Amino acid sequence: MTGRSRTRTAALRGTRTNPTPITPDTVPRGCFWFTDPDGTLCLAPSCMARIQDPDAECLCDTLTAHHRRARQQLRDLIRRDRYARTWWRALRAVVDEHPDRAALLAAARDRAHPSR
């Protein structure tokens, strides 16, 4: 058996025709088919598409990728927020220590709200 056919067989595991052998240490991520100890073929759905229709296309990989991107975006936003807050605290400290503090704050307020 070549490495290619072994990979192809492994990729098809978890389908209705090739159920995944399950042990407590080897539960796959996403939807998968498995054989119950009594021999019954069972589906363990992880996405709404498969919950509603066992023969539907599994969306777990799509949902996992979307979740991964969303978590990365959240990490980036948190990182940017920390950076902005650091700069804001440093800038505010400099303005508070400046002799013309009141004039600087008034000028900043006028620029931020020109219609007032």
Protein backbone atom coordinates (compact mmCIF):
# COMPACT_ATOMS: atom_id res chain seq x y z
CA MET A 1 0.00 0.00 0.00
CA THR A 2 1.44 3.37 -0.94
CA GLY A 3 1.43 6.47 1.26
CA ARG A 4 -1.03 8.11 -1.10
CA SER A 5 -3.70 5.40 -0.80
CA ARG A 6 -3.19 5.26 2.97
CA THR A 7 -3.82 9.02 3.11
CA ARG A 8 -6.89 8.70 0.93
CA THR A 9 -8.30 5.96 3.19
CA ALA A 10 -7.59 8.02 6.31
CA ALA A 11 -9.27 11.04 4.73
CA LEU A 12 -12.43 9.02 4.06
CA ARG A 13 -12.70 7.79 7.66
CA GLY A 14 -15.73 8.99 9.54
CA THR A 15 -18.02 8.56 6.55
CA ARG A 16 -21.08 6.35 6.54
CA THR A 17 -19.26 3.71 4.47
CA ASN A 18 -16.05 3.86 6.54
CA PRO A 19 -16.98 4.61 10.18
CA THR A 20 -14.31 5.92 12.53
CA PRO A 21 -13.03 3.53 15.20
CA ILE A 22 -13.57 5.42 18.45
CA THR A 23 -11.83 5.18 21.80
CA PRO A 24 -11.99 7.81 24.56
CA ASP A 25 -8.57 9.09 23.42
CA THR A 26 -9.35 9.28 19.69
CA VAL A 27 -12.61 11.19 19.33
CA PRO A 28 -12.37 13.14 16.05
CA ARG A 29 -13.20 16.82 15.73
CA GLY A 30 -16.24 17.66 13.67
CA CYS A 31 -18.97 15.32 12.44
CA PHE A 32 -18.19 11.64 12.14
CA TRP A 33 -19.87 8.28 11.71
CA PHE A 34 -19.02 5.50 14.14
CA THR A 35 -20.15 1.99 14.95
CA ASP A 36 -21.78 1.55 18.34
CA PRO A 37 -20.59 -1.43 20.46
CA ASP A 38 -23.80 -3.25 19.52
CA GLY A 39 -22.97 -2.74 15.81
CA THR A 40 -25.38 0.14 15.11
CA LEU A 41 -24.07 2.77 12.71
CA CYS A 42 -24.34 6.21 14.38
CA LEU A 43 -23.65 9.81 13.39
CA ALA A 44 -22.09 12.21 15.87
CA PRO A 45 -23.01 15.59 14.34
CA SER A 46 -21.09 18.74 15.23
CA CYS A 47 -22.62 21.20 12.78
CA MET A 48 -26.21 22.32 12.31
CA ALA A 49 -26.33 21.03 8.74
CA ARG A 50 -25.68 17.44 9.84
CA ILE A 51 -28.00 17.71 12.85
CA GLN A 52 -30.87 18.58 10.52
CA ASP A 53 -29.92 16.13 7.75
CA PRO A 54 -27.37 13.34 8.33
CA ASP A 55 -26.66 13.15 4.58
CA ALA A 56 -25.94 16.88 4.24
CA GLU A 57 -22.44 18.16 3.57
CA CYS A 58 -20.48 18.60 6.81
CA LEU A 59 -19.70 22.26 7.54
CA CYS A 60 -17.40 21.67 10.51
CA ASP A 61 -14.20 22.59 8.64
CA THR A 62 -15.82 25.77 7.35
CA LEU A 63 -17.11 26.69 10.80
CA THR A 64 -13.78 25.84 12.41
CA ALA A 65 -11.91 28.04 9.94
CA HIS A 66 -14.40 30.89 10.49
CA HIS A 67 -14.04 30.54 14.26
CA ARG A 68 -10.23 30.51 13.97
CA ARG A 69 -10.30 33.72 11.88
CA ALA A 70 -12.69 35.40 14.32
CA ARG A 71 -10.48 34.50 17.29
CA GLN A 72 -7.41 35.87 15.47
CA GLN A 73 -9.26 39.11 14.68
CA LEU A 74 -10.26 39.40 18.33
CA ARG A 75 -6.63 38.88 19.43
CA ASP A 76 -5.52 41.57 16.96
CA LEU A 77 -8.15 44.01 18.22
CA ILE A 78 -7.17 43.38 21.84
CA ARG A 79 -3.52 43.95 20.93
CA ARG A 80 -4.39 47.23 19.12
CA ASP A 81 -6.54 48.35 22.04
CA ARG A 82 -3.71 47.74 24.53
CA TYR A 83 -1.34 49.70 22.30
CA ALA A 84 -3.79 52.61 22.00
CA ARG A 85 -4.47 52.64 25.74
CA THR A 86 -0.73 52.70 26.48
CA TRP A 87 -0.26 55.68 24.18
CA TRP A 88 -3.32 57.42 25.59
CA ARG A 89 -2.04 57.04 29.19
CA ALA A 90 1.41 58.32 28.19
CA LEU A 91 -0.03 61.28 26.26
CA ARG A 92 -2.45 62.15 29.06
CA ALA A 93 0.41 62.03 31.61
CA VAL A 94 2.48 64.42 29.47
CA VAL A 95 -0.46 66.84 29.06
CA ASP A 96 -1.24 66.72 32.79
CA GLU A 97 2.37 67.64 33.60
CA HIS A 98 2.53 70.47 31.05
CA PRO A 99 2.28 74.06 32.39
CA ASP A 100 -0.38 74.92 29.73
CA ARG A 101 -2.53 71.88 30.57
CA ALA A 102 -5.82 73.80 30.54
CA ALA A 103 -5.07 75.43 27.17
CA LEU A 104 -4.03 72.11 25.62
CA LEU A 105 -7.21 70.37 26.84
CA ALA A 106 -9.38 73.26 25.59
CA ALA A 107 -7.72 73.15 22.16
CA ALA A 108 -8.16 69.37 21.96
CA ARG A 109 -11.82 69.71 22.98
CA ASP A 110 -12.38 72.38 20.29
CA ARG A 111 -10.83 70.16 17.63
CA ALA A 112 -12.81 67.09 18.71
CA HIS A 113 -16.13 69.03 18.84
CA PRO A 114 -15.84 71.99 16.45
CA SER A 115 -19.58 72.79 16.56
CA ARG A 116 -19.66 73.46 20.32
